[in-house]
Amino acid sequence: MGYLFENIEKMDIQEERRKTKEARAELEKTKAELNETEMALAKAQKEIEALKAQLNKKG
């Protein structure tokens, strides 16, 4: 049975927890940026539709 675990690397649980916390924080930051980008895109699409409506009225 000792041979089974002989070549396994030691694992630093605190380090893994820190990495997980950092990864989650980065994920939340990226989600917030994505949300802002989606809102900007929606705003731009509304502006384009308004401009198209103005062009259709003129022509």
PDB file of N, CA and C in Angstrom:
ATOM      1  N   MET A   1       0.826  -1.200   0.000  1.00  0.00           N
ATOM      2  CA  MET A   1       0.000   0.000   0.000  1.00  0.00           C
ATOM      3  C   MET A   1       0.865   1.258   0.000  1.00  0.00           C
ATOM      4  N   GLY A   2       2.005   1.207   0.624  1.00  0.00           N
ATOM      5  CA  GLY A   2       2.910   2.339   0.697  1.00  0.00           C
ATOM      6  C   GLY A   2       3.409   2.745  -0.674  1.00  0.00           C
ATOM      7  N   TYR A   3       3.523   1.800  -1.588  1.00  0.00           N
ATOM      8  CA  TYR A   3       3.987   2.107  -2.934  1.00  0.00           C
ATOM      9  C   TYR A   3       2.986   2.970  -3.694  1.00  0.00           C
ATOM     10  N   LEU A   4       1.752   2.851  -3.332  1.00  0.00           N
ATOM     11  CA  LEU A   4       0.687   3.571  -4.016  1.00  0.00           C
ATOM     12  C   LEU A   4       0.852   5.091  -3.892  1.00  0.00           C
ATOM     13  N   PHE A   5       1.293   5.545  -2.752  1.00  0.00           N
ATOM     14  CA  PHE A   5       1.402   6.979  -2.484  1.00  0.00           C
ATOM     15  C   PHE A   5       2.847   7.483  -2.514  1.00  0.00           C
ATOM     16  N   GLU A   6       3.748   6.636  -2.888  1.00  0.00           N
ATOM     17  CA  GLU A   6       5.166   6.939  -2.844  1.00  0.00           C
ATOM     18  C   GLU A   6       5.569   8.125  -3.718  1.00  0.00           C
ATOM     19  N   ASN A   7       4.992   8.262  -4.904  1.00  0.00           N
ATOM     20  CA  ASN A   7       5.402   9.300  -5.850  1.00  0.00           C
ATOM     21  C   ASN A   7       4.429  10.475  -5.939  1.00  0.00           C
ATOM     22  N   ILE A   8       3.493  10.548  -5.028  1.00  0.00           N
ATOM     23  CA  ILE A   8       2.516  11.631  -5.036  1.00  0.00           C
ATOM     24  C   ILE A   8       3.158  12.898  -4.469  1.00  0.00           C
ATOM     25  N   GLU A   9       2.942  14.024  -5.162  1.00  0.00           N
ATOM     26  CA  GLU A   9       3.490  15.297  -4.698  1.00  0.00           C
ATOM     27  C   GLU A   9       2.672  15.818  -3.517  1.00  0.00           C
ATOM     28  N   LYS A  10       3.354  16.504  -2.638  1.00  0.00           N
ATOM     29  CA  LYS A  10       2.671  17.127  -1.500  1.00  0.00           C
ATOM     30  C   LYS A  10       1.800  18.264  -2.011  1.00  0.00           C
ATOM     31  N   MET A  11       0.692  18.499  -1.349  1.00  0.00           N
ATOM     32  CA  MET A  11      -0.243  19.531  -1.767  1.00  0.00           C
ATOM     33  C   MET A  11      -0.416  20.533  -0.631  1.00  0.00           C
ATOM     34  N   ASP A  12      -0.271  21.816  -0.965  1.00  0.00           N
ATOM     35  CA  ASP A  12      -0.449  22.882   0.009  1.00  0.00           C
ATOM     36  C   ASP A  12      -1.904  23.353  -0.072  1.00  0.00           C
ATOM     37  N   ILE A  13      -2.706  22.926   0.872  1.00  0.00           N
ATOM     38  CA  ILE A  13      -4.135  23.233   0.872  1.00  0.00           C
ATOM     39  C   ILE A  13      -4.381  24.732   0.941  1.00  0.00           C
ATOM     40  N   GLN A  14      -3.620  25.437   1.783  1.00  0.00           N
ATOM     41  CA  GLN A  14      -3.804  26.890   1.903  1.00  0.00           C
ATOM     42  C   GLN A  14      -3.515  27.586   0.576  1.00  0.00           C
ATOM     43  N   GLU A  15      -2.481  27.142  -0.122  1.00  0.00           N
ATOM     44  CA  GLU A  15      -2.140  27.708  -1.429  1.00  0.00           C
ATOM     45  C   GLU A  15      -3.265  27.452  -2.434  1.00  0.00           C
ATOM     46  N   GLU A  16      -3.813  26.249  -2.415  1.00  0.00           N
ATOM     47  CA  GLU A  16      -4.913  25.912  -3.319  1.00  0.00           C
ATOM     48  C   GLU A  16      -6.155  26.760  -3.021  1.00  0.00           C
ATOM     49  N   ARG A  17      -6.428  26.989  -1.763  1.00  0.00           N
ATOM     50  CA  ARG A  17      -7.562  27.834  -1.379  1.00  0.00           C
ATOM     51  C   ARG A  17      -7.356  29.271  -1.849  1.00  0.00           C
ATOM     52  N   ARG A  18      -6.113  29.772  -1.713  1.00  0.00           N
ATOM     53  CA  ARG A  18      -5.794  31.124  -2.159  1.00  0.00           C
ATOM     54  C   ARG A  18      -5.971  31.238  -3.675  1.00  0.00           C
ATOM     55  N   LYS A  19      -5.483  30.240  -4.390  1.00  0.00           N
ATOM     56  CA  LYS A  19      -5.621  30.244  -5.856  1.00  0.00           C
ATOM     57  C   LYS A  19      -7.088  30.208  -6.267  1.00  0.00           C
ATOM     58  N   THR A  20      -7.878  29.409  -5.558  1.00  0.00           N
ATOM     59  CA  THR A  20      -9.304  29.320  -5.855  1.00  0.00           C
ATOM     60  C   THR A  20      -9.995  30.652  -5.589  1.00  0.00           C
ATOM     61  N   LYS A  21      -9.647  31.293  -4.480  1.00  0.00           N
ATOM     62  CA  LYS A  21     -10.226  32.593  -4.144  1.00  0.00           C
ATOM     63  C   LYS A  21      -9.871  33.625  -5.211  1.00  0.00           C
ATOM     64  N   GLU A  22      -8.613  33.630  -5.652  1.00  0.00           N
ATOM     65  CA  GLU A  22      -8.184  34.561  -6.698  1.00  0.00           C
ATOM     66  C   GLU A  22      -8.908  34.289  -8.016  1.00  0.00           C
ATOM     67  N   ALA A  23      -9.061  33.030  -8.346  1.00  0.00           N
ATOM     68  CA  ALA A  23      -9.747  32.662  -9.587  1.00  0.00           C
ATOM     69  C   ALA A  23     -11.207  33.097  -9.550  1.00  0.00           C
ATOM     70  N   ARG A  24     -11.840  32.930  -8.407  1.00  0.00           N
ATOM     71  CA  ARG A  24     -13.241  33.357  -8.277  1.00  0.00           C
ATOM     72  C   ARG A  24     -13.366  34.869  -8.386  1.00  0.00           C
ATOM     73  N   ALA A  25     -12.415  35.596  -7.783  1.00  0.00           N
ATOM     74  CA  ALA A  25     -12.430  37.060  -7.862  1.00  0.00           C
ATOM     75  C   ALA A  25     -12.239  37.505  -9.313  1.00  0.00           C
ATOM     76  N   GLU A  26     -11.338  36.865 -10.024  1.00  0.00           N
ATOM     77  CA  GLU A  26     -11.105  37.190 -11.432  1.00  0.00           C
ATOM     78  C   GLU A  26     -12.348  36.888 -12.265  1.00  0.00           C
ATOM     79  N   LEU A  27     -13.019  35.786 -11.953  1.00  0.00           N
ATOM     80  CA  LEU A  27     -14.243  35.431 -12.655  1.00  0.00           C
ATOM     81  C   LEU A  27     -15.321  36.490 -12.446  1.00  0.00           C
ATOM     82  N   GLU A  28     -15.486  36.945 -11.212  1.00  0.00           N
ATOM     83  CA  GLU A  28     -16.479  37.984 -10.923  1.00  0.00           C
ATOM     84  C   GLU A  28     -16.143  39.288 -11.643  1.00  0.00           C
ATOM     85  N   LYS A  29     -14.866  39.634 -11.685  1.00  0.00           N
ATOM     86  CA  LYS A  29     -14.433  40.837 -12.397  1.00  0.00           C
ATOM     87  C   LYS A  29     -14.752  40.715 -13.884  1.00  0.00           C
ATOM     88  N   THR A  30     -14.472  39.568 -14.447  1.00  0.00           N
ATOM     89  CA  THR A  30     -14.735  39.333 -15.871  1.00  0.00           C
ATOM     90  C   THR A  30     -16.232  39.369 -16.155  1.00  0.00           C
ATOM     91  N   LYS A  31     -17.030  38.803 -15.249  1.00  0.00           N
ATOM     92  CA  LYS A  31     -18.487  38.849 -15.422  1.00  0.00           C
ATOM     93  C   LYS A  31     -18.988  40.289 -15.410  1.00  0.00           C
ATOM     94  N   ALA A  32     -18.448  41.107 -14.518  1.00  0.00           N
ATOM     95  CA  ALA A  32     -18.847  42.514 -14.435  1.00  0.00           C
ATOM     96  C   ALA A  32     -18.471  43.248 -15.725  1.00  0.00           C
ATOM     97  N   GLU A  33     -17.280  42.984 -16.235  1.00  0.00           N
ATOM     98  CA  GLU A  33     -16.843  43.606 -17.494  1.00  0.00           C
ATOM     99  C   GLU A  33     -17.732  43.172 -18.648  1.00  0.00           C
ATOM    100  N   LEU A  34     -18.089  41.899 -18.668  1.00  0.00           N
ATOM    101  CA  LEU A  34     -18.979  41.385 -19.711  1.00  0.00           C
ATOM    102  C   LEU A  34     -20.333  42.065 -19.642  1.00  0.00           C
ATOM    103  N   ASN A  35     -20.855  42.230 -18.438  1.00  0.00           N
ATOM    104  CA  ASN A  35     -22.139  42.892 -18.256  1.00  0.00           C
ATOM    105  C   ASN A  35     -22.089  44.333 -18.772  1.00  0.00           C
ATOM    106  N   GLU A  36     -21.001  45.041 -18.447  1.00  0.00           N
ATOM    107  CA  GLU A  36     -20.844  46.419 -18.925  1.00  0.00           C
ATOM    108  C   GLU A  36     -20.774  46.465 -20.446  1.00  0.00           C
ATOM    109  N   THR A  37     -20.062  45.523 -21.019  1.00  0.00           N
ATOM    110  CA  THR A  37     -19.933  45.467 -22.479  1.00  0.00           C
ATOM    111  C   THR A  37     -21.275  45.166 -23.133  1.00  0.00           C
ATOM    112  N   GLU A  38     -22.033  44.261 -22.545  1.00  0.00           N
ATOM    113  CA  GLU A  38     -23.355  43.939 -23.086  1.00  0.00           C
ATOM    114  C   GLU A  38     -24.277  45.149 -23.017  1.00  0.00           C
ATOM    115  N   MET A  39     -24.191  45.914 -21.930  1.00  0.00           N
ATOM    116  CA  MET A  39     -25.022  47.110 -21.799  1.00  0.00           C
ATOM    117  C   MET A  39     -24.618  48.158 -22.841  1.00  0.00           C
ATOM    118  N   ALA A  40     -23.313  48.323 -23.062  1.00  0.00           N
ATOM    119  CA  ALA A  40     -22.833  49.275 -24.070  1.00  0.00           C
ATOM    120  C   ALA A  40     -23.281  48.841 -25.462  1.00  0.00           C
ATOM    121  N   LEU A  41     -23.249  47.554 -25.715  1.00  0.00           N
ATOM    122  CA  LEU A  41     -23.695  47.028 -27.006  1.00  0.00           C
ATOM    123  C   LEU A  41     -25.175  47.292 -27.213  1.00  0.00           C
ATOM    124  N   ALA A  42     -25.976  47.050 -26.190  1.00  0.00           N
ATOM    125  CA  ALA A  42     -27.410  47.296 -26.296  1.00  0.00           C
ATOM    126  C   ALA A  42     -27.687  48.772 -26.564  1.00  0.00           C
ATOM    127  N   LYS A  43     -26.955  49.641 -25.888  1.00  0.00           N
ATOM    128  CA  LYS A  43     -27.110  51.079 -26.095  1.00  0.00           C
ATOM    129  C   LYS A  43     -26.744  51.452 -27.537  1.00  0.00           C
ATOM    130  N   ALA A  44     -25.641  50.910 -28.028  1.00  0.00           N
ATOM    131  CA  ALA A  44     -25.210  51.195 -29.396  1.00  0.00           C
ATOM    132  C   ALA A  44     -26.231  50.690 -30.413  1.00  0.00           C
ATOM    133  N   GLN A  45     -26.813  49.528 -30.147  1.00  0.00           N
ATOM    134  CA  GLN A  45     -27.822  48.986 -31.062  1.00  0.00           C
ATOM    135  C   GLN A  45     -29.065  49.880 -31.094  1.00  0.00           C
ATOM    136  N   LYS A  46     -29.465  50.412 -29.945  1.00  0.00           N
ATOM    137  CA  LYS A  46     -30.606  51.324 -29.900  1.00  0.00           C
ATOM    138  C   LYS A  46     -30.307  52.591 -30.686  1.00  0.00           C
ATOM    139  N   GLU A  47     -29.066  53.096 -30.549  1.00  0.00           N
ATOM    140  CA  GLU A  47     -28.679  54.292 -31.290  1.00  0.00           C
ATOM    141  C   GLU A  47     -28.695  54.031 -32.792  1.00  0.00           C
ATOM    142  N   ILE A  48     -28.236  52.873 -33.200  1.00  0.00           N
ATOM    143  CA  ILE A  48     -28.246  52.520 -34.621  1.00  0.00           C
ATOM    144  C   ILE A  48     -29.679  52.451 -35.138  1.00  0.00           C
ATOM    145  N   GLU A  49     -30.556  51.852 -34.366  1.00  0.00           N
ATOM    146  CA  GLU A  49     -31.963  51.761 -34.780  1.00  0.00           C
ATOM    147  C   GLU A  49     -32.585  53.152 -34.905  1.00  0.00           C
ATOM    148  N   ALA A  50     -32.235  54.039 -33.975  1.00  0.00           N
ATOM    149  CA  ALA A  50     -32.758  55.405 -34.029  1.00  0.00           C
ATOM    150  C   ALA A  50     -32.243  56.119 -35.275  1.00  0.00           C
ATOM    151  N   LEU A  51     -30.976  55.945 -35.586  1.00  0.00           N
ATOM    152  CA  LEU A  51     -30.416  56.563 -36.789  1.00  0.00           C
ATOM    153  C   LEU A  51     -31.047  55.994 -38.059  1.00  0.00           C
ATOM    154  N   LYS A  52     -31.289  54.706 -38.077  1.00  0.00           N
ATOM    155  CA  LYS A  52     -31.957  54.086 -39.228  1.00  0.00           C
ATOM    156  C   LYS A  52     -33.363  54.656 -39.393  1.00  0.00           C
ATOM    157  N   ALA A  53     -34.053  54.851 -38.285  1.00  0.00           N
ATOM    158  CA  ALA A  53     -35.414  55.407 -38.346  1.00  0.00           C
ATOM    159  C   ALA A  53     -35.370  56.824 -38.905  1.00  0.00           C
ATOM    160  N   GLN A  54     -34.387  57.608 -38.493  1.00  0.00           N
ATOM    161  CA  GLN A  54     -34.237  58.972 -39.018  1.00  0.00           C
ATOM    162  C   GLN A  54     -33.961  58.954 -40.509  1.00  0.00           C
ATOM    163  N   LEU A  55     -33.117  58.043 -40.949  1.00  0.00           N
ATOM    164  CA  LEU A  55     -32.797  57.945 -42.381  1.00  0.00           C
ATOM    165  C   LEU A  55     -34.019  57.540 -43.187  1.00  0.00           C
ATOM    166  N   ASN A  56     -34.831  56.657 -42.640  1.00  0.00           N
ATOM    167  CA  ASN A  56     -36.034  56.200 -43.343  1.00  0.00           C
ATOM    168  C   ASN A  56     -37.049  57.343 -43.466  1.00  0.00           C
ATOM    169  N   LYS A  57     -37.101  58.219 -42.478  1.00  0.00           N
ATOM    170  CA  LYS A  57     -38.006  59.359 -42.542  1.00  0.00           C
ATOM    171  C   LYS A  57     -37.570  60.339 -43.613  1.00  0.00           C
ATOM    172  N   LYS A  58     -36.253  60.514 -43.784  1.00  0.00           N
ATOM    173  CA  LYS A  58     -35.738  61.455 -44.760  1.00  0.00           C
ATOM    174  C   LYS A  58     -35.835  60.921 -46.184  1.00  0.00           C
ATOM    175  N   GLY A  59     -35.683  59.651 -46.342  1.00  0.00           N
ATOM    176  CA  GLY A  59     -35.594  59.099 -47.689  1.00  0.00           C
ATOM    177  C   GLY A  59     -36.716  58.224 -48.011  1.00  0.00           C
TER     178      GLY A  59
END
